[in-house]
Amino acid sequence: MPNVVVIGAQWGDEGKGRIVDLISEKVDIIARYQGGNNAGHTIVIGEEKVVLHHLPSGILREGKVSVIGNGVVVDPKVLLEEIQNLRLAGYKADRENLKISDRAHVIMPYHKEIDKGREESCGNTKIGTTGRGIGPVYEDKAARRGIKVSDLIDPDALSHRLREVLPDRNLYITKVLGKEPLDFQEIFGEYEAYGKELKEFTCDVSKLLNDSITEGKNILFEGAQGALLDIDFGTYPYVTSSSASSGGACTGTGVSPTKIDSVLGIAKAYTTRVGEGPFPSELSGETGERLRELGDEYGATTGRSRRCGWFDAFAIKYASMINGISHIALTKLDVLSGFEKIKICTAYRYKGKVLRDFPSNNHTLSECDPVYQELDGWNEDISGVRDVSELPPQARDYLDTIEQSTGVPLYAVSLGASREKILFLNEIF
């Protein structure tokens, strides 16, 4: 059985959670490898909607092991609340089916204080962060002043590390941000208690995953955000603070790239983006607002409205190249029902010249105009379709054009939020 990485192929919010939920029944382990509780995965099961932030979407499947890898940053308060809420909803979340890497870094109160303070002081140059401390904790990780889960569950280690780090962070909070310093004893008492509760879930995740692969088990690696928000290859600086690309699955879990078999990219049938940054195919008028309302394009984590635009095949080709995407799962095709004409962005034009490559310069990208291919739309409600042959010819033509313009075959097409509203076109397991 293959080991598959699932990534967002756009700017996040592509519907990764529900696709992972659907295909997690085919695997043994689901491993989240980066990001923090700035991610939000919404899964609809019957009439019930479940929103996950830290936990892999596979936690909703019986008999599966869900793993939080070392590349994830953990807010212990939020994670414990999420575990409790799942249990109250009737789902299992215990030491048997949930494992947390002892090498994952912990989001501390000063990270959130710094995140919010910086964003407040940026004015018109803000990044659009969620304010949950994600950037600052990755910054501390790189600066070697982080606190890991292994420290959190050891009171002596936690006390030692906090005494080392807090004076530096308080200096920044008071002198740069002009805010009140945080209290050592208050933080230590709160986080020591979190550590006691989380200790039973922690382990060496890299050994667990590699041993499982040796035993013949297969793993689904789940990323957060999207390829165009990757810290290295995204639209920097309007990106997340971690490796949202397929390469992050290896560094975020300790599994070698030689053990990854394929990469599944998730993309909406149109394009959305949250926060600031360039977005060449964005629609600012009535059509964009219509997409937003029909697609319910509001963030699961923040509630922020998403910017909407036509499907960007040029960006998907770039994401496919840097991630090795072998198939695409397309979500929300049903949202496009009722549009007389539908467009696909096939290239960018910059100062009159059609570009061959995706720009690395943010200034250039912000001045690019989309080159569109226009197709006929359809009026039929397709949410009840159970076979691709039942789709209107215009919808089938749209899918064919996406495959042709991206150069990547479609694995599945989603026609609604619930588990049964999906068409599988190929097989990767």
Protein backbone atom coordinates (compact mmCIF):
# COMPACT_ATOMS: atom_id res chain seq x y z
CA MET A 1 0.00 0.00 0.00
CA PRO A 2 1.32 3.50 -0.82
CA ASN A 3 2.28 6.33 1.51
CA VAL A 4 0.60 9.49 0.21
CA VAL A 5 1.14 13.18 0.99
CA VAL A 6 -1.95 15.40 0.77
CA ILE A 7 -1.29 19.10 0.22
CA GLY A 8 -3.28 22.18 -0.66
CA ALA A 9 -2.43 23.16 -4.23
CA GLN A 10 -3.62 26.77 -3.91
CA TRP A 11 -3.60 29.35 -1.07
CA GLY A 12 -5.17 27.04 1.51
CA ASP A 13 -8.83 26.37 2.36
CA GLU A 14 -9.12 23.94 -0.56
CA GLY A 15 -11.05 21.29 1.38
CA LYS A 16 -8.11 19.11 2.44
CA GLY A 17 -9.86 18.02 5.63
CA ARG A 18 -12.83 16.38 3.96
CA ILE A 19 -10.66 14.69 1.33
CA VAL A 20 -8.37 13.31 4.04
CA ASP A 21 -11.45 12.19 5.96
CA LEU A 22 -12.75 10.37 2.88
CA ILE A 23 -9.55 8.55 1.97
CA SER A 24 -8.35 7.92 5.53
CA GLU A 25 -10.43 4.75 5.56
CA LYS A 26 -7.90 3.33 3.08
CA VAL A 27 -4.85 3.90 5.32
CA ASP A 28 -3.60 2.90 8.77
CA ILE A 29 -2.12 6.17 10.04
CA ILE A 30 -2.87 9.83 9.34
CA ALA A 31 0.03 12.16 10.17
CA ARG A 32 -0.22 15.95 10.33
CA TYR A 33 3.20 17.41 9.53
CA GLN A 34 3.17 21.24 9.80
CA GLY A 35 1.29 24.35 10.80
CA GLY A 36 -0.66 24.97 13.97
CA ASN A 37 -4.14 25.89 15.08
CA ASN A 38 -4.19 28.60 12.41
CA ALA A 39 -5.45 25.77 10.20
CA GLY A 40 -9.11 24.80 10.15
CA HIS A 41 -10.47 21.60 8.60
CA THR A 42 -14.25 21.27 8.34
CA ILE A 43 -15.78 17.81 7.87
CA VAL A 44 -19.51 17.19 7.40
CA ILE A 45 -20.80 13.78 8.54
CA GLY A 46 -24.53 13.46 7.93
CA GLU A 47 -26.05 16.52 9.61
CA GLU A 48 -23.02 17.06 11.84
CA LYS A 49 -20.21 19.54 11.13
CA VAL A 50 -16.86 18.94 12.84
CA VAL A 51 -14.14 21.62 12.76
CA LEU A 52 -10.59 20.50 13.54
CA HIS A 53 -7.58 22.75 14.10
CA HIS A 54 -4.69 20.70 15.48
CA LEU A 55 -5.92 17.16 15.00
CA PRO A 56 -5.59 15.26 11.72
CA SER A 57 -8.90 14.72 9.95
CA GLY A 58 -8.45 10.95 10.30
CA ILE A 59 -9.24 11.20 14.01
CA LEU A 60 -12.91 10.79 13.04
CA ARG A 61 -12.29 7.30 11.62
CA GLU A 62 -12.48 4.26 13.86
CA GLY A 63 -9.45 1.99 13.97
CA LYS A 64 -7.03 4.63 12.65
CA VAL A 65 -4.06 6.21 14.41
CA SER A 66 -3.74 10.00 14.17
CA VAL A 67 -0.34 11.60 14.60
CA ILE A 68 0.80 15.17 15.24
CA GLY A 69 4.33 15.40 13.85
CA ASN A 70 7.34 17.38 15.00
CA GLY A 71 6.74 19.99 12.28
CA VAL A 72 3.45 21.04 13.88
CA VAL A 73 3.38 23.77 16.54
CA VAL A 74 1.03 22.97 19.41
CA ASP A 75 -1.13 25.26 21.52
CA PRO A 76 -1.75 22.87 24.42
CA LYS A 77 -4.84 24.66 25.69
CA VAL A 78 -6.50 24.58 22.28
CA LEU A 79 -5.45 20.98 21.68
CA LEU A 80 -6.88 19.77 24.99
CA GLU A 81 -10.13 21.61 24.30
CA GLU A 82 -10.30 19.97 20.88
CA ILE A 83 -9.74 16.53 22.38
CA GLN A 84 -12.45 17.14 24.98
CA ASN A 85 -14.94 18.39 22.38
CA LEU A 86 -14.36 15.32 20.21
CA ARG A 87 -15.00 13.05 23.17
CA LEU A 88 -18.20 14.90 24.02
CA ALA A 89 -19.31 14.43 20.40
CA GLY A 90 -18.82 10.68 20.74
CA TYR A 91 -15.45 10.28 19.01
CA LYS A 92 -12.44 8.49 20.38
CA ALA A 93 -9.36 10.54 21.23
CA ASP A 94 -7.02 8.74 23.62
CA ARG A 95 -3.46 7.38 23.85
CA GLU A 96 -4.36 4.50 21.51
CA ASN A 97 -5.46 6.51 18.49
CA LEU A 98 -3.67 9.84 19.05
CA LYS A 99 0.10 10.35 19.17
CA ILE A 100 1.94 13.67 19.59
CA SER A 101 5.60 14.13 18.75
CA ASP A 102 7.76 14.99 21.74
CA ARG A 103 9.80 17.13 19.34
CA ALA A 104 6.91 19.41 18.34
CA HIS A 105 7.25 23.00 19.53
CA VAL A 106 4.81 24.63 21.93
CA ILE A 107 2.95 27.90 21.35
CA MET A 108 3.43 29.97 24.52
CA PRO A 109 1.47 33.04 25.68
CA TYR A 110 4.26 35.40 24.63
CA HIS A 111 4.08 34.08 21.07
CA LYS A 112 0.45 35.16 20.80
CA GLU A 113 1.18 38.48 22.48
CA ILE A 114 3.98 39.19 20.00
CA ASP A 115 1.92 38.04 17.01
CA LYS A 116 -1.01 40.32 17.81
CA GLY A 117 1.21 43.25 18.81
CA ARG A 118 3.19 43.14 15.59
CA GLU A 119 0.09 42.96 13.44
CA GLU A 120 -1.46 45.90 15.26
CA SER A 121 1.64 48.01 14.65
CA CYS A 122 1.93 47.14 10.93
CA GLY A 123 -1.07 49.13 9.72
CA ASN A 124 -1.43 48.85 5.94
CA THR A 125 1.60 46.54 5.67
CA LYS A 126 0.09 43.74 7.77
CA ILE A 127 0.53 40.14 6.64
CA GLY A 128 -2.95 38.95 7.63
CA THR A 129 -1.87 36.60 10.42
CA THR A 130 -4.49 34.85 12.57
CA GLY A 131 -2.81 36.18 15.72
CA ARG A 132 -2.42 32.69 17.19
CA GLY A 133 1.33 32.90 17.67
CA ILE A 134 2.27 30.65 14.75
CA GLY A 135 4.92 32.90 13.19
CA PRO A 136 6.64 33.79 16.47
CA VAL A 137 6.86 30.16 17.63
CA TYR A 138 8.49 29.10 14.34
CA GLU A 139 10.77 32.12 14.70
CA ASP A 140 11.80 30.95 18.19
CA LYS A 141 12.30 27.42 16.88
CA ALA A 142 14.76 28.68 14.26
CA ALA A 143 16.43 30.97 16.81
CA ARG A 144 16.93 28.00 19.18
CA ARG A 145 14.88 29.50 21.97
CA GLY A 146 11.82 27.27 21.56
CA ILE A 147 10.08 25.05 24.09
CA LYS A 148 9.27 21.54 22.88
CA VAL A 149 6.59 19.11 23.99
CA SER A 150 9.35 17.08 25.66
CA ASP A 151 9.99 20.16 27.84
CA LEU A 152 6.30 20.74 28.45
CA ILE A 153 5.77 17.29 29.98
CA ASP A 154 8.85 17.59 32.24
CA PRO A 155 8.29 20.27 34.94
CA ASP A 156 12.00 20.71 35.63
CA ALA A 157 12.81 21.12 31.93
CA LEU A 158 9.86 23.48 31.45
CA SER A 159 10.95 25.67 34.37
CA HIS A 160 14.54 25.77 33.13
CA ARG A 161 13.64 26.64 29.53
CA LEU A 162 11.03 29.22 30.51
CA ARG A 163 13.49 31.00 32.81
CA GLU A 164 15.96 31.13 29.93
CA VAL A 165 13.53 32.38 27.30
CA LEU A 166 10.96 34.59 29.03
CA PRO A 167 13.27 37.54 29.93
CA ASP A 168 14.24 37.94 26.26
CA ARG A 169 10.63 37.72 25.09
CA ASN A 170 9.44 40.14 27.80
CA LEU A 171 12.12 42.59 26.74
CA TYR A 172 10.69 42.57 23.21
CA ILE A 173 7.10 42.83 24.47
CA THR A 174 7.83 45.83 26.69
CA LYS A 175 10.47 47.76 24.76
CA VAL A 176 9.35 47.15 21.16
CA LEU A 177 5.61 46.55 21.45
CA GLY A 178 5.05 48.74 24.51
CA LYS A 179 2.98 46.14 26.34
CA GLU A 180 3.06 44.70 29.87
CA PRO A 181 5.52 41.85 30.65
CA LEU A 182 4.22 38.32 31.23
CA ASP A 183 4.59 36.59 34.60
CA PHE A 184 6.81 33.51 34.90
CA GLN A 185 4.88 31.81 37.68
CA GLU A 186 1.53 32.30 35.98
CA ILE A 187 2.76 30.78 32.73
CA PHE A 188 4.62 27.94 34.43
CA GLY A 189 1.65 26.92 36.56
CA GLU A 190 -0.73 26.87 33.61
CA TYR A 191 1.58 25.06 31.21
CA GLU A 192 2.83 22.52 33.75
CA ALA A 193 -0.80 21.43 34.11
CA TYR A 194 -1.18 21.14 30.33
CA GLY A 195 1.95 19.00 30.20
CA LYS A 196 0.54 16.56 32.74
CA GLU A 197 -2.60 16.10 30.64
CA LEU A 198 -0.76 15.68 27.33
CA LYS A 199 2.02 13.40 28.56
CA GLU A 200 0.12 10.18 27.84
CA PHE A 201 -0.15 11.10 24.14
CA THR A 202 3.52 11.88 23.51
CA CYS A 203 6.09 9.63 21.84
CA ASP A 204 8.92 9.56 19.31
CA VAL A 205 6.71 9.97 16.25
CA SER A 206 9.51 9.44 13.72
CA LYS A 207 10.25 5.99 15.17
CA LEU A 208 6.53 5.14 15.32
CA LEU A 209 6.02 6.03 11.65
CA ASN A 210 9.16 4.35 10.35
CA ASP A 211 8.47 1.19 12.33
CA SER A 212 4.91 1.19 10.98
CA ILE A 213 6.14 1.45 7.39
CA THR A 214 8.53 -1.46 8.01
CA GLU A 215 5.56 -3.47 9.29
CA GLY A 216 3.72 -2.84 6.01
CA LYS A 217 1.32 -0.18 7.25
CA ASN A 218 0.55 2.82 5.06
CA ILE A 219 0.44 6.47 6.00
CA LEU A 220 -1.44 9.52 4.80
CA PHE A 221 0.58 12.69 5.45
CA GLU A 222 -1.70 15.69 5.95
CA GLY A 223 -0.51 19.25 5.44
CA ALA A 224 -2.12 22.53 6.41
CA GLN A 225 -2.48 25.78 4.46
CA GLY A 226 -1.44 25.49 0.78
CA ALA A 227 1.53 25.29 -1.58
CA LEU A 228 1.31 28.99 -2.46
CA LEU A 229 1.64 29.82 1.25
CA ASP A 230 4.82 27.78 1.68
CA ILE A 231 7.57 29.71 3.50
CA ASP A 232 10.08 29.04 0.67
CA PHE A 233 7.99 28.73 -2.47
CA GLY A 234 4.86 30.71 -1.67
CA THR A 235 4.04 34.35 -2.38
CA TYR A 236 6.51 35.61 0.24
CA PRO A 237 6.14 37.50 2.55
CA TYR A 238 2.40 36.80 2.45
CA VAL A 239 2.90 33.18 3.45
CA THR A 240 2.67 30.89 6.46
CA SER A 241 5.74 30.22 8.62
CA SER A 242 6.28 26.54 7.80
CA SER A 243 6.88 24.17 4.89
CA ALA A 244 3.38 23.61 3.53
CA SER A 245 4.87 21.81 0.51
CA SER A 246 5.22 18.05 0.14
CA GLY A 247 8.82 18.31 1.34
CA GLY A 248 7.48 19.38 4.72
CA ALA A 249 6.02 15.91 5.18
CA CYS A 250 9.53 14.52 5.54
CA THR A 251 11.04 17.23 7.75
CA GLY A 252 7.82 17.43 9.76
CA THR A 253 7.62 13.73 10.64
CA GLY A 254 11.09 12.24 10.27
CA VAL A 255 10.11 9.95 7.38
CA SER A 256 12.52 9.74 4.44
CA PRO A 257 11.40 11.01 1.00
CA THR A 258 12.29 7.57 -0.36
CA LYS A 259 9.28 6.23 1.57
CA ILE A 260 6.77 8.63 -0.04
CA ASP A 261 4.95 7.13 -3.02
CA SER A 262 2.74 9.93 -4.34
CA VAL A 263 1.43 13.44 -3.72
CA LEU A 264 -2.25 14.34 -3.96
CA GLY A 265 -3.00 18.03 -4.48
CA ILE A 266 -6.32 19.46 -3.34
CA ALA A 267 -7.78 22.38 -5.31
CA LYS A 268 -11.10 24.16 -5.46
CA ALA A 269 -12.94 24.42 -8.76
CA TYR A 270 -12.26 28.15 -8.38
CA THR A 271 -9.63 29.96 -6.29
CA THR A 272 -9.75 31.61 -2.87
CA ARG A 273 -7.29 33.41 -0.63
CA VAL A 274 -7.48 34.67 2.96
CA GLY A 275 -5.51 37.67 4.17
CA GLU A 276 -3.19 39.92 2.23
CA GLY A 277 -1.00 39.28 -0.82
CA PRO A 278 -1.21 39.14 -4.62
CA PHE A 279 -4.04 37.20 -6.25
CA PRO A 280 -4.02 37.59 -10.07
CA SER A 281 -7.36 35.87 -10.79
CA GLU A 282 -9.25 37.63 -7.97
CA LEU A 283 -12.75 38.88 -8.76
CA SER A 284 -13.61 42.02 -6.83
CA GLY A 285 -17.12 42.64 -8.16
CA GLU A 286 -20.47 40.87 -8.22
CA THR A 287 -19.08 37.57 -9.54
CA GLY A 288 -16.55 37.32 -6.72
CA GLU A 289 -19.22 38.05 -4.13
CA ARG A 290 -21.47 35.44 -5.70
CA LEU A 291 -18.73 32.82 -5.44
CA ARG A 292 -18.14 33.77 -1.81
CA GLU A 293 -21.78 33.38 -0.84
CA LEU A 294 -22.48 30.23 -2.85
CA GLY A 295 -19.29 28.60 -1.60
CA ASP A 296 -19.71 29.82 1.99
CA GLU A 297 -16.19 31.17 1.81
CA TYR A 298 -15.56 32.10 5.40
CA GLY A 299 -12.66 30.74 7.42
CA ALA A 300 -13.24 27.76 9.73
CA THR A 301 -10.67 29.13 12.18
CA THR A 302 -11.17 32.90 12.03
CA GLY A 303 -14.50 33.44 10.27
CA ARG A 304 -12.75 35.85 7.90
CA SER A 305 -14.26 36.19 4.44
CA ARG A 306 -12.14 34.72 1.66
CA ARG A 307 -11.20 36.56 -1.50
CA CYS A 308 -12.54 34.66 -4.53
CA GLY A 309 -11.49 34.30 -8.16
CA TRP A 310 -11.50 32.00 -11.15
CA PHE A 311 -9.51 28.76 -11.21
CA ASP A 312 -5.81 29.54 -11.67
CA ALA A 313 -4.25 26.74 -13.73
CA PHE A 314 -0.98 28.66 -14.09
CA ALA A 315 -0.49 28.68 -10.31
CA ILE A 316 -1.49 25.00 -10.09
CA LYS A 317 1.15 24.06 -12.67
CA TYR A 318 3.74 25.80 -10.51
CA ALA A 319 2.49 24.07 -7.35
CA SER A 320 2.53 20.73 -9.17
CA MET A 321 6.13 21.23 -10.25
CA ILE A 322 7.55 22.04 -6.82
CA ASN A 323 5.50 19.38 -5.02
CA GLY A 324 5.49 16.53 -7.50
CA ILE A 325 1.68 16.42 -7.53
CA SER A 326 0.59 13.23 -9.25
CA HIS A 327 -3.19 13.75 -9.03
CA ILE A 328 -5.63 16.51 -8.09
CA ALA A 329 -8.80 16.21 -6.03
CA LEU A 330 -11.11 19.03 -7.12
CA THR A 331 -13.60 20.36 -4.57
CA LYS A 332 -16.76 22.49 -4.78
CA LEU A 333 -17.54 21.96 -8.45
CA ASP A 334 -21.23 22.29 -7.49
CA VAL A 335 -20.67 25.95 -6.54
CA LEU A 336 -20.17 26.83 -10.22
CA SER A 337 -23.67 25.71 -11.23
CA GLY A 338 -25.65 28.63 -12.61
CA PHE A 339 -22.79 30.66 -14.08
CA GLU A 340 -23.38 31.42 -17.76
CA LYS A 341 -19.65 31.63 -18.46
CA ILE A 342 -16.73 30.25 -16.46
CA LYS A 343 -13.09 31.22 -16.85
CA ILE A 344 -9.78 29.47 -16.26
CA CYS A 345 -6.59 31.48 -15.83
CA THR A 346 -4.00 29.79 -18.06
CA ALA A 347 -1.16 32.33 -17.86
CA TYR A 348 -0.08 35.70 -16.43
CA ARG A 349 0.70 38.82 -18.43
CA TYR A 350 3.24 41.26 -16.99
CA LYS A 351 3.76 44.63 -18.71
CA GLY A 352 2.35 43.25 -21.94
CA LYS A 353 4.44 40.08 -21.92
CA VAL A 354 3.00 36.62 -21.26
CA LEU A 355 5.12 34.92 -18.60
CA ARG A 356 6.47 31.40 -18.98
CA ASP A 357 7.21 30.93 -15.27
CA PHE A 358 5.48 31.77 -11.99
CA PRO A 359 7.07 34.97 -10.59
CA SER A 360 9.25 34.74 -7.50
CA ASN A 361 9.10 38.51 -7.01
CA ASN A 362 6.07 39.62 -5.05
CA HIS A 363 6.02 43.07 -6.68
CA THR A 364 5.94 41.49 -10.15
CA LEU A 365 3.18 39.09 -9.16
CA SER A 366 1.03 41.89 -7.78
CA GLU A 367 1.12 43.62 -11.19
CA CYS A 368 0.30 40.53 -13.26
CA ASP A 369 -2.94 40.30 -15.21
CA PRO A 370 -4.64 36.93 -15.79
CA VAL A 371 -4.89 35.41 -19.25
CA TYR A 372 -8.23 33.61 -19.39
CA GLN A 373 -9.79 30.77 -21.33
CA GLU A 374 -13.57 31.14 -21.26
CA LEU A 375 -15.93 28.16 -21.20
CA ASP A 376 -19.70 27.72 -21.20
CA GLY A 377 -21.27 27.18 -17.80
CA TRP A 378 -24.21 25.00 -16.82
CA ASN A 379 -27.46 25.57 -14.91
CA GLU A 380 -28.17 22.08 -13.59
CA ASP A 381 -27.88 21.26 -9.89
CA ILE A 382 -25.11 18.64 -9.89
CA SER A 383 -24.94 17.98 -6.14
CA GLY A 384 -26.85 14.71 -6.51
CA VAL A 385 -24.78 13.29 -9.39
CA ARG A 386 -23.24 9.91 -8.58
CA ASP A 387 -21.23 9.24 -11.76
CA VAL A 388 -19.13 11.57 -13.88
CA SER A 389 -21.12 10.53 -16.97
CA GLU A 390 -24.21 12.16 -15.43
CA LEU A 391 -22.59 15.59 -15.29
CA PRO A 392 -23.71 18.18 -17.86
CA PRO A 393 -21.41 18.21 -20.92
CA GLN A 394 -20.24 21.71 -20.01
CA ALA A 395 -19.12 20.50 -16.56
CA ARG A 396 -17.28 17.55 -18.10
CA ASP A 397 -15.63 19.94 -20.55
CA TYR A 398 -14.57 22.11 -17.61
CA LEU A 399 -12.92 19.12 -15.89
CA ASP A 400 -11.17 18.10 -19.11
CA THR A 401 -9.87 21.64 -19.56
CA ILE A 402 -8.50 21.71 -16.02
CA GLU A 403 -6.60 18.48 -16.67
CA GLN A 404 -5.25 19.82 -19.95
CA SER A 405 -4.25 23.24 -18.61
CA THR A 406 -2.58 21.93 -15.43
CA GLY A 407 -1.10 18.77 -16.94
CA VAL A 408 -2.27 16.79 -13.90
CA PRO A 409 -5.01 14.10 -13.93
CA LEU A 410 -7.99 14.38 -11.60
CA TYR A 411 -8.30 11.81 -8.81
CA ALA A 412 -11.69 12.90 -7.52
CA VAL A 413 -14.32 15.64 -7.83
CA SER A 414 -16.36 16.89 -4.88
CA LEU A 415 -19.96 18.00 -5.42
CA GLY A 416 -20.88 18.97 -1.88
CA ALA A 417 -19.78 18.96 1.74
CA SER A 418 -21.01 15.53 2.85
CA ARG A 419 -19.01 12.31 2.54
CA GLU A 420 -21.09 10.74 -0.20
CA LYS A 421 -20.99 13.70 -2.59
CA ILE A 422 -17.75 12.84 -4.34
CA LEU A 423 -16.86 11.20 -7.65
CA PHE A 424 -13.67 9.15 -7.92
CA LEU A 425 -12.14 9.28 -11.37
CA ASN A 426 -8.85 7.46 -10.73
CA GLU A 427 -7.27 5.20 -8.12
CA ILE A 428 -4.10 5.98 -6.15
CA PHE A 429 -4.44 3.34 -3.40
